[in-house]
Amino acid sequence: MSDAGSFVDATLQAEGDDYRAAAEKERLGSDLRFYGASVGAVRGTIRDAARRYPGLTHDDVTALSTELWAVPVFERRLAAVVLLQSNVWRLDNSDLTRIEGFLRSAGLRELVDPIAVDVVGPLLERLAAPDRARASSVLDRWAGDSDRWLRRAALLAAGRSEPRP
């Protein structure tokens, strides 16, 4: 594990609370593990990691987000989302493949929605014409995919809301 990944994981575990972990697992009904760290603690951890490891490049950010996502712990995955949110200006349309993998394995609205609204949406908005066209074709493919989380992300990223069942 990278130094930054170890720092984030250790901090999230230290911020965790068994009671909160059990309550969140029950509330979300997920197969993920939970450390019980608050959303504020997750955001603060990513902010502290940025200070501790300044100068993260595009490749550093995408590698760290992948490293955090790889372990099925809710707070680690949320930290990956926060990392992408705070570095969305570094991302480009080639990162949609990685993001697609995150969306397919997210399994929770609490992870899918912020990726779609706060990462994919702003990424699309800032792309120049040729890259935006390629990214839009990816979202069109997502919109027609059998994976409900991918379809939801495509709708949210495009600024539309998904109809309720």
N, C-alpha and C. Protein backbone atom coordinates (compact mmCIF):
# COMPACT_ATOMS: atom_id res chain seq x y z
N MET A 1 0.84 -1.17 0.00
CA MET A 1 0.00 0.00 0.00
C MET A 1 0.89 1.24 0.00
N SER A 2 0.46 2.27 -0.70
CA SER A 2 1.24 3.51 -0.75
C SER A 2 1.22 4.20 0.61
N ASP A 3 2.15 5.13 0.80
CA ASP A 3 2.18 5.90 2.05
C ASP A 3 0.87 6.67 2.23
N ALA A 4 0.40 7.30 1.15
CA ALA A 4 -0.84 8.07 1.23
C ALA A 4 -2.02 7.14 1.53
N GLY A 5 -2.07 6.00 0.89
CA GLY A 5 -3.14 5.04 1.14
C GLY A 5 -3.12 4.53 2.57
N SER A 6 -1.95 4.24 3.07
CA SER A 6 -1.82 3.80 4.47
C SER A 6 -2.26 4.88 5.43
N PHE A 7 -1.87 6.13 5.14
CA PHE A 7 -2.28 7.24 5.99
C PHE A 7 -3.80 7.37 6.02
N VAL A 8 -4.44 7.35 4.86
CA VAL A 8 -5.90 7.50 4.79
C VAL A 8 -6.57 6.35 5.53
N ASP A 9 -6.14 5.12 5.27
CA ASP A 9 -6.78 3.97 5.91
C ASP A 9 -6.62 4.01 7.43
N ALA A 10 -5.41 4.27 7.90
CA ALA A 10 -5.17 4.30 9.35
C ALA A 10 -5.97 5.43 10.01
N THR A 11 -6.05 6.57 9.37
CA THR A 11 -6.80 7.69 9.93
C THR A 11 -8.29 7.38 9.98
N LEU A 12 -8.81 6.79 8.92
CA LEU A 12 -10.24 6.43 8.92
C LEU A 12 -10.55 5.40 10.00
N GLN A 13 -9.67 4.44 10.17
CA GLN A 13 -9.89 3.45 11.23
C GLN A 13 -9.85 4.11 12.61
N ALA A 14 -8.91 5.02 12.80
CA ALA A 14 -8.80 5.71 14.09
C ALA A 14 -10.02 6.59 14.37
N GLU A 15 -10.61 7.14 13.32
CA GLU A 15 -11.79 7.99 13.45
C GLU A 15 -13.07 7.18 13.61
N GLY A 16 -12.97 5.88 13.39
CA GLY A 16 -14.15 5.02 13.39
C GLY A 16 -14.72 4.76 14.77
N ASP A 17 -15.94 4.32 14.77
CA ASP A 17 -16.67 4.02 16.00
C ASP A 17 -17.52 2.79 15.72
N ASP A 18 -17.40 1.76 16.55
CA ASP A 18 -18.13 0.51 16.32
C ASP A 18 -19.64 0.72 16.28
N TYR A 19 -20.14 1.58 17.15
CA TYR A 19 -21.58 1.85 17.18
C TYR A 19 -22.03 2.46 15.86
N ARG A 20 -21.31 3.49 15.38
CA ARG A 20 -21.64 4.14 14.12
C ARG A 20 -21.50 3.17 12.96
N ALA A 21 -20.48 2.31 13.00
CA ALA A 21 -20.28 1.33 11.93
C ALA A 21 -21.48 0.40 11.83
N ALA A 22 -21.94 -0.11 12.96
CA ALA A 22 -23.09 -1.02 12.96
C ALA A 22 -24.36 -0.31 12.49
N ALA A 23 -24.54 0.93 12.93
CA ALA A 23 -25.73 1.69 12.54
C ALA A 23 -25.73 1.98 11.04
N GLU A 24 -24.60 2.36 10.49
CA GLU A 24 -24.50 2.66 9.06
C GLU A 24 -24.69 1.40 8.22
N LYS A 25 -24.12 0.30 8.66
CA LYS A 25 -24.28 -0.96 7.94
C LYS A 25 -25.76 -1.34 7.88
N GLU A 26 -26.42 -1.19 9.00
CA GLU A 26 -27.87 -1.49 9.05
C GLU A 26 -28.66 -0.53 8.19
N ARG A 27 -28.37 0.76 8.29
CA ARG A 27 -29.11 1.78 7.54
C ARG A 27 -28.95 1.59 6.03
N LEU A 28 -27.74 1.33 5.60
CA LEU A 28 -27.48 1.21 4.17
C LEU A 28 -27.72 -0.19 3.63
N GLY A 29 -27.72 -1.20 4.50
CA GLY A 29 -27.98 -2.56 4.06
C GLY A 29 -26.97 -3.05 3.04
N SER A 30 -25.72 -2.79 3.30
CA SER A 30 -24.66 -3.10 2.34
C SER A 30 -23.82 -4.29 2.79
N ASP A 31 -23.19 -4.93 1.82
CA ASP A 31 -22.23 -6.00 2.11
C ASP A 31 -20.85 -5.44 2.44
N LEU A 32 -20.66 -4.14 2.26
CA LEU A 32 -19.37 -3.53 2.57
C LEU A 32 -19.12 -3.58 4.08
N ARG A 33 -17.86 -3.51 4.44
CA ARG A 33 -17.50 -3.32 5.85
C ARG A 33 -17.55 -1.83 6.15
N PHE A 34 -17.66 -1.50 7.41
CA PHE A 34 -17.73 -0.10 7.83
C PHE A 34 -16.77 0.11 8.99
N TYR A 35 -16.02 1.22 8.93
CA TYR A 35 -15.16 1.60 10.04
C TYR A 35 -15.94 2.43 11.06
N GLY A 36 -16.98 3.11 10.62
CA GLY A 36 -17.74 3.96 11.51
C GLY A 36 -17.21 5.38 11.60
N ALA A 37 -16.44 5.81 10.62
CA ALA A 37 -15.97 7.20 10.58
C ALA A 37 -17.06 8.07 9.97
N SER A 38 -17.20 9.28 10.47
CA SER A 38 -18.22 10.19 9.95
C SER A 38 -17.82 10.72 8.58
N VAL A 39 -18.78 11.28 7.86
CA VAL A 39 -18.50 11.89 6.56
C VAL A 39 -17.51 13.04 6.75
N GLY A 40 -17.68 13.80 7.82
CA GLY A 40 -16.74 14.89 8.10
C GLY A 40 -15.33 14.39 8.32
N ALA A 41 -15.20 13.24 8.99
CA ALA A 41 -13.88 12.66 9.21
C ALA A 41 -13.27 12.19 7.88
N VAL A 42 -14.09 11.65 7.01
CA VAL A 42 -13.59 11.22 5.69
C VAL A 42 -13.09 12.43 4.91
N ARG A 43 -13.90 13.47 4.88
CA ARG A 43 -13.49 14.70 4.16
C ARG A 43 -12.22 15.30 4.77
N GLY A 44 -12.17 15.35 6.09
CA GLY A 44 -10.99 15.88 6.76
C GLY A 44 -9.75 15.05 6.51
N THR A 45 -9.92 13.75 6.43
CA THR A 45 -8.79 12.86 6.16
C THR A 45 -8.21 13.12 4.78
N ILE A 46 -9.08 13.30 3.79
CA ILE A 46 -8.60 13.58 2.43
C ILE A 46 -7.94 14.96 2.39
N ARG A 47 -8.50 15.92 3.10
CA ARG A 47 -7.89 17.26 3.17
C ARG A 47 -6.50 17.16 3.82
N ASP A 48 -6.40 16.39 4.90
CA ASP A 48 -5.10 16.21 5.58
C ASP A 48 -4.10 15.46 4.69
N ALA A 49 -4.60 14.50 3.94
CA ALA A 49 -3.72 13.76 3.03
C ALA A 49 -3.15 14.68 1.95
N ALA A 50 -3.98 15.61 1.47
CA ALA A 50 -3.51 16.56 0.45
C ALA A 50 -2.41 17.46 1.01
N ARG A 51 -2.54 17.82 2.29
CA ARG A 51 -1.50 18.64 2.92
C ARG A 51 -0.23 17.83 3.18
N ARG A 52 -0.44 16.59 3.58
CA ARG A 52 0.70 15.72 3.92
C ARG A 52 1.46 15.27 2.68
N TYR A 53 0.75 15.10 1.57
CA TYR A 53 1.34 14.64 0.31
C TYR A 53 1.04 15.66 -0.78
N PRO A 54 1.68 16.83 -0.70
CA PRO A 54 1.40 17.88 -1.69
C PRO A 54 1.93 17.50 -3.07
N GLY A 55 1.34 18.12 -4.05
CA GLY A 55 1.83 17.92 -5.41
C GLY A 55 1.37 16.63 -6.05
N LEU A 56 0.25 16.08 -5.60
CA LEU A 56 -0.25 14.86 -6.23
C LEU A 56 -0.58 15.15 -7.69
N THR A 57 -0.10 14.31 -8.56
CA THR A 57 -0.37 14.45 -9.99
C THR A 57 -1.66 13.71 -10.35
N HIS A 58 -2.06 13.83 -11.58
CA HIS A 58 -3.21 13.08 -12.09
C HIS A 58 -3.05 11.60 -11.81
N ASP A 59 -1.89 11.06 -12.15
CA ASP A 59 -1.65 9.62 -11.95
C ASP A 59 -1.67 9.25 -10.47
N ASP A 60 -1.15 10.11 -9.61
CA ASP A 60 -1.18 9.85 -8.17
C ASP A 60 -2.62 9.80 -7.66
N VAL A 61 -3.43 10.76 -8.10
CA VAL A 61 -4.82 10.83 -7.66
C VAL A 61 -5.59 9.60 -8.13
N THR A 62 -5.44 9.23 -9.38
CA THR A 62 -6.19 8.08 -9.89
C THR A 62 -5.69 6.78 -9.25
N ALA A 63 -4.39 6.68 -9.02
CA ALA A 63 -3.86 5.48 -8.37
C ALA A 63 -4.34 5.38 -6.92
N LEU A 64 -4.32 6.49 -6.20
CA LEU A 64 -4.78 6.48 -4.81
C LEU A 64 -6.27 6.18 -4.74
N SER A 65 -7.06 6.75 -5.63
CA SER A 65 -8.50 6.46 -5.61
C SER A 65 -8.75 4.98 -5.87
N THR A 66 -8.00 4.40 -6.77
CA THR A 66 -8.13 2.97 -7.06
C THR A 66 -7.71 2.13 -5.86
N GLU A 67 -6.63 2.52 -5.23
CA GLU A 67 -6.14 1.81 -4.04
C GLU A 67 -7.17 1.85 -2.91
N LEU A 68 -7.76 3.01 -2.70
CA LEU A 68 -8.77 3.14 -1.65
C LEU A 68 -10.02 2.32 -1.98
N TRP A 69 -10.43 2.34 -3.24
CA TRP A 69 -11.64 1.65 -3.66
C TRP A 69 -11.47 0.13 -3.60
N ALA A 70 -10.28 -0.35 -3.76
CA ALA A 70 -10.02 -1.80 -3.90
C ALA A 70 -10.46 -2.62 -2.69
N VAL A 71 -10.46 -2.02 -1.52
CA VAL A 71 -10.85 -2.74 -0.30
C VAL A 71 -12.31 -2.40 -0.03
N PRO A 72 -13.16 -3.41 0.15
CA PRO A 72 -14.60 -3.15 0.28
C PRO A 72 -15.03 -2.61 1.65
N VAL A 73 -14.56 -1.40 1.93
CA VAL A 73 -14.90 -0.68 3.16
C VAL A 73 -15.56 0.63 2.73
N PHE A 74 -16.74 0.90 3.26
CA PHE A 74 -17.50 2.08 2.84
C PHE A 74 -16.68 3.36 2.96
N GLU A 75 -16.06 3.61 4.08
CA GLU A 75 -15.33 4.86 4.29
C GLU A 75 -14.14 5.00 3.35
N ARG A 76 -13.48 3.91 3.02
CA ARG A 76 -12.39 3.97 2.05
C ARG A 76 -12.94 4.37 0.68
N ARG A 77 -14.06 3.78 0.31
CA ARG A 77 -14.65 4.11 -0.99
C ARG A 77 -15.17 5.55 -1.01
N LEU A 78 -15.74 5.98 0.10
CA LEU A 78 -16.17 7.37 0.17
C LEU A 78 -14.97 8.30 0.10
N ALA A 79 -13.87 7.92 0.71
CA ALA A 79 -12.64 8.72 0.62
C ALA A 79 -12.16 8.80 -0.83
N ALA A 80 -12.28 7.73 -1.58
CA ALA A 80 -11.91 7.76 -2.99
C ALA A 80 -12.79 8.75 -3.75
N VAL A 81 -14.08 8.77 -3.43
CA VAL A 81 -15.00 9.71 -4.06
C VAL A 81 -14.60 11.15 -3.71
N VAL A 82 -14.33 11.42 -2.44
CA VAL A 82 -13.95 12.76 -2.00
C VAL A 82 -12.63 13.18 -2.68
N LEU A 83 -11.71 12.26 -2.80
CA LEU A 83 -10.45 12.55 -3.48
C LEU A 83 -10.70 12.96 -4.94
N LEU A 84 -11.58 12.22 -5.62
CA LEU A 84 -11.90 12.57 -7.01
C LEU A 84 -12.64 13.90 -7.09
N GLN A 85 -13.57 14.13 -6.16
CA GLN A 85 -14.30 15.40 -6.14
C GLN A 85 -13.34 16.57 -6.01
N SER A 86 -12.38 16.45 -5.12
CA SER A 86 -11.47 17.56 -4.86
C SER A 86 -10.38 17.70 -5.92
N ASN A 87 -10.30 16.73 -6.81
CA ASN A 87 -9.29 16.78 -7.89
C ASN A 87 -9.92 16.62 -9.26
N VAL A 88 -11.21 16.93 -9.38
CA VAL A 88 -11.91 16.72 -10.65
C VAL A 88 -11.25 17.51 -11.78
N TRP A 89 -10.65 18.62 -11.47
CA TRP A 89 -9.99 19.44 -12.48
C TRP A 89 -8.77 18.73 -13.08
N ARG A 90 -8.26 17.70 -12.41
CA ARG A 90 -7.12 16.93 -12.92
C ARG A 90 -7.57 15.82 -13.88
N LEU A 91 -8.83 15.45 -13.82
CA LEU A 91 -9.33 14.28 -14.55
C LEU A 91 -9.63 14.62 -15.99
N ASP A 92 -9.61 13.59 -16.83
CA ASP A 92 -9.99 13.77 -18.23
C ASP A 92 -10.88 12.61 -18.67
N ASN A 93 -11.33 12.64 -19.91
CA ASN A 93 -12.28 11.63 -20.37
C ASN A 93 -11.73 10.21 -20.31
N SER A 94 -10.42 10.05 -20.33
CA SER A 94 -9.85 8.71 -20.23
C SER A 94 -10.08 8.09 -18.85
N ASP A 95 -10.41 8.91 -17.86
CA ASP A 95 -10.65 8.41 -16.51
C ASP A 95 -12.05 7.81 -16.35
N LEU A 96 -12.89 7.97 -17.35
CA LEU A 96 -14.25 7.42 -17.27
C LEU A 96 -14.25 5.90 -17.18
N THR A 97 -13.24 5.25 -17.71
CA THR A 97 -13.15 3.79 -17.61
C THR A 97 -12.98 3.37 -16.16
N ARG A 98 -12.08 4.03 -15.46
CA ARG A 98 -11.85 3.75 -14.04
C ARG A 98 -13.12 4.06 -13.25
N ILE A 99 -13.72 5.20 -13.53
CA ILE A 99 -14.94 5.61 -12.84
C ILE A 99 -16.07 4.62 -13.11
N GLU A 100 -16.15 4.11 -14.31
CA GLU A 100 -17.16 3.09 -14.63
C GLU A 100 -17.00 1.87 -13.73
N GLY A 101 -15.78 1.45 -13.51
CA GLY A 101 -15.53 0.32 -12.61
C GLY A 101 -15.99 0.62 -11.20
N PHE A 102 -15.73 1.84 -10.74
CA PHE A 102 -16.20 2.23 -9.41
C PHE A 102 -17.72 2.17 -9.34
N LEU A 103 -18.38 2.71 -10.35
CA LEU A 103 -19.84 2.75 -10.36
C LEU A 103 -20.44 1.35 -10.38
N ARG A 104 -19.85 0.47 -11.18
CA ARG A 104 -20.38 -0.89 -11.28
C ARG A 104 -20.28 -1.65 -9.95
N SER A 105 -19.26 -1.33 -9.16
CA SER A 105 -19.07 -2.05 -7.90
C SER A 105 -19.56 -1.26 -6.68
N ALA A 106 -20.09 -0.07 -6.88
CA ALA A 106 -20.50 0.77 -5.75
C ALA A 106 -21.66 0.16 -4.97
N GLY A 107 -22.73 -0.17 -5.65
CA GLY A 107 -23.87 -0.82 -5.00
C GLY A 107 -24.65 0.04 -4.04
N LEU A 108 -24.31 1.31 -3.92
CA LEU A 108 -25.00 2.20 -2.99
C LEU A 108 -25.19 3.57 -3.62
N ARG A 109 -26.38 4.12 -3.46
CA ARG A 109 -26.67 5.47 -3.92
C ARG A 109 -25.71 6.48 -3.28
N GLU A 110 -25.32 6.22 -2.03
CA GLU A 110 -24.44 7.14 -1.31
C GLU A 110 -23.04 7.24 -1.93
N LEU A 111 -22.69 6.29 -2.76
CA LEU A 111 -21.42 6.35 -3.50
C LEU A 111 -21.64 6.75 -4.95
N VAL A 112 -22.67 6.21 -5.57
CA VAL A 112 -22.94 6.47 -6.99
C VAL A 112 -23.28 7.94 -7.23
N ASP A 113 -24.19 8.48 -6.43
CA ASP A 113 -24.67 9.84 -6.68
C ASP A 113 -23.57 10.89 -6.63
N PRO A 114 -22.70 10.90 -5.61
CA PRO A 114 -21.65 11.92 -5.62
C PRO A 114 -20.63 11.73 -6.74
N ILE A 115 -20.41 10.49 -7.15
CA ILE A 115 -19.51 10.29 -8.30
C ILE A 115 -20.14 10.91 -9.54
N ALA A 116 -21.43 10.63 -9.75
CA ALA A 116 -22.12 11.12 -10.94
C ALA A 116 -22.23 12.64 -10.93
N VAL A 117 -22.71 13.20 -9.83
CA VAL A 117 -23.02 14.62 -9.76
C VAL A 117 -21.78 15.49 -9.57
N ASP A 118 -20.85 15.04 -8.74
CA ASP A 118 -19.71 15.88 -8.36
C ASP A 118 -18.40 15.54 -9.06
N VAL A 119 -18.38 14.43 -9.80
CA VAL A 119 -17.16 14.07 -10.52
C VAL A 119 -17.45 14.01 -12.03
N VAL A 120 -18.34 13.13 -12.44
CA VAL A 120 -18.59 12.96 -13.88
C VAL A 120 -19.23 14.21 -14.48
N GLY A 121 -20.23 14.77 -13.82
CA GLY A 121 -20.89 15.98 -14.34
C GLY A 121 -19.92 17.12 -14.57
N PRO A 122 -19.17 17.54 -13.54
CA PRO A 122 -18.20 18.63 -13.74
C PRO A 122 -17.09 18.27 -14.74
N LEU A 123 -16.70 17.01 -14.78
CA LEU A 123 -15.70 16.59 -15.76
C LEU A 123 -16.21 16.84 -17.18
N LEU A 124 -17.44 16.43 -17.44
CA LEU A 124 -18.03 16.64 -18.77
C LEU A 124 -18.12 18.12 -19.13
N GLU A 125 -18.52 18.93 -18.16
CA GLU A 125 -18.71 20.36 -18.41
C GLU A 125 -17.43 21.06 -18.83
N ARG A 126 -16.30 20.61 -18.36
CA ARG A 126 -15.07 21.34 -18.65
C ARG A 126 -14.28 20.77 -19.83
N LEU A 127 -14.76 19.67 -20.41
CA LEU A 127 -14.04 19.09 -21.54
C LEU A 127 -14.26 19.91 -22.81
N ALA A 128 -13.22 19.98 -23.64
CA ALA A 128 -13.32 20.63 -24.95
C ALA A 128 -14.08 19.71 -25.91
N ALA A 129 -14.51 20.24 -27.00
CA ALA A 129 -15.42 19.56 -27.94
C ALA A 129 -15.06 18.11 -28.28
N PRO A 130 -13.85 17.81 -28.77
CA PRO A 130 -13.61 16.42 -29.17
C PRO A 130 -13.68 15.45 -27.98
N ASP A 131 -13.09 15.85 -26.86
CA ASP A 131 -13.12 14.98 -25.68
C ASP A 131 -14.52 14.89 -25.10
N ARG A 132 -15.27 15.98 -25.16
CA ARG A 132 -16.64 15.97 -24.65
C ARG A 132 -17.50 15.01 -25.47
N ALA A 133 -17.29 14.99 -26.76
CA ALA A 133 -18.06 14.08 -27.62
C ALA A 133 -17.76 12.63 -27.26
N ARG A 134 -16.48 12.32 -27.03
CA ARG A 134 -16.12 10.95 -26.63
C ARG A 134 -16.73 10.61 -25.28
N ALA A 135 -16.65 11.54 -24.35
CA ALA A 135 -17.22 11.30 -23.01
C ALA A 135 -18.74 11.15 -23.09
N SER A 136 -19.38 11.94 -23.91
CA SER A 136 -20.84 11.83 -24.07
C SER A 136 -21.24 10.48 -24.64
N SER A 137 -20.42 9.94 -25.53
CA SER A 137 -20.74 8.62 -26.07
C SER A 137 -20.59 7.55 -24.99
N VAL A 138 -19.67 7.74 -24.06
CA VAL A 138 -19.53 6.82 -22.93
C VAL A 138 -20.78 6.89 -22.07
N LEU A 139 -21.25 8.10 -21.77
CA LEU A 139 -22.47 8.24 -20.97
C LEU A 139 -23.69 7.67 -21.69
N ASP A 140 -23.75 7.81 -22.99
CA ASP A 140 -24.85 7.20 -23.75
C ASP A 140 -24.82 5.68 -23.59
N ARG A 141 -23.61 5.12 -23.62
CA ARG A 141 -23.48 3.67 -23.42
C ARG A 141 -23.91 3.29 -22.01
N TRP A 142 -23.49 4.08 -21.02
CA TRP A 142 -23.90 3.81 -19.65
C TRP A 142 -25.42 3.84 -19.52
N ALA A 143 -26.05 4.81 -20.17
CA ALA A 143 -27.50 4.97 -20.06
C ALA A 143 -28.26 3.75 -20.58
N GLY A 144 -27.65 3.01 -21.49
CA GLY A 144 -28.30 1.82 -22.03
C GLY A 144 -27.80 0.52 -21.43
N ASP A 145 -26.94 0.59 -20.45
CA ASP A 145 -26.35 -0.60 -19.85
C ASP A 145 -27.35 -1.30 -18.93
N SER A 146 -27.14 -2.59 -18.73
CA SER A 146 -28.03 -3.36 -17.84
C SER A 146 -27.77 -3.08 -16.36
N ASP A 147 -26.63 -2.48 -16.02
CA ASP A 147 -26.29 -2.16 -14.63
C ASP A 147 -27.06 -0.91 -14.21
N ARG A 148 -27.91 -1.07 -13.20
CA ARG A 148 -28.76 0.06 -12.78
C ARG A 148 -27.97 1.23 -12.22
N TRP A 149 -26.83 0.96 -11.59
CA TRP A 149 -26.03 2.04 -11.02
C TRP A 149 -25.37 2.85 -12.14
N LEU A 150 -24.97 2.18 -13.19
CA LEU A 150 -24.37 2.88 -14.32
C LEU A 150 -25.42 3.75 -15.02
N ARG A 151 -26.63 3.19 -15.18
CA ARG A 151 -27.72 3.97 -15.79
C ARG A 151 -28.04 5.19 -14.93
N ARG A 152 -28.12 4.98 -13.63
CA ARG A 152 -28.41 6.09 -12.71
C ARG A 152 -27.33 7.17 -12.83
N ALA A 153 -26.07 6.76 -12.85
CA ALA A 153 -24.97 7.72 -12.95
C ALA A 153 -25.04 8.51 -14.25
N ALA A 154 -25.38 7.84 -15.34
CA ALA A 154 -25.49 8.54 -16.62
C ALA A 154 -26.56 9.62 -16.56
N LEU A 155 -27.69 9.29 -15.97
CA LEU A 155 -28.77 10.27 -15.84
C LEU A 155 -28.38 11.44 -14.95
N LEU A 156 -27.81 11.13 -13.81
CA LEU A 156 -27.43 12.19 -12.87
C LEU A 156 -26.32 13.06 -13.42
N ALA A 157 -25.35 12.47 -14.07
CA ALA A 157 -24.23 13.24 -14.61
C ALA A 157 -24.70 14.19 -15.69
N ALA A 158 -25.73 13.79 -16.41
CA ALA A 158 -26.26 14.63 -17.48
C ALA A 158 -27.24 15.68 -16.93
N GLY A 159 -27.47 15.66 -15.61
CA GLY A 159 -28.34 16.64 -15.00
C GLY A 159 -29.80 16.26 -15.00
N ARG A 160 -30.09 15.03 -15.30
CA ARG A 160 -31.48 14.56 -15.27
C ARG A 160 -31.66 13.70 -14.04
N SER A 161 -32.86 13.62 -13.56
CA SER A 161 -33.13 12.75 -12.42
C SER A 161 -33.75 11.46 -12.89
N GLU A 162 -33.42 10.42 -12.17
CA GLU A 162 -33.94 9.10 -12.50
C GLU A 162 -35.37 8.98 -11.96
N PRO A 163 -36.29 8.47 -12.76
CA PRO A 163 -37.64 8.28 -12.25
C PRO A 163 -37.66 7.26 -11.14
N ARG A 164 -38.48 7.48 -10.15
CA ARG A 164 -38.61 6.54 -9.02
C ARG A 164 -39.45 5.34 -9.45
N PRO A 165 -39.06 4.13 -8.97
CA PRO A 165 -39.86 2.94 -9.30
C PRO A 165 -41.17 2.94 -8.54
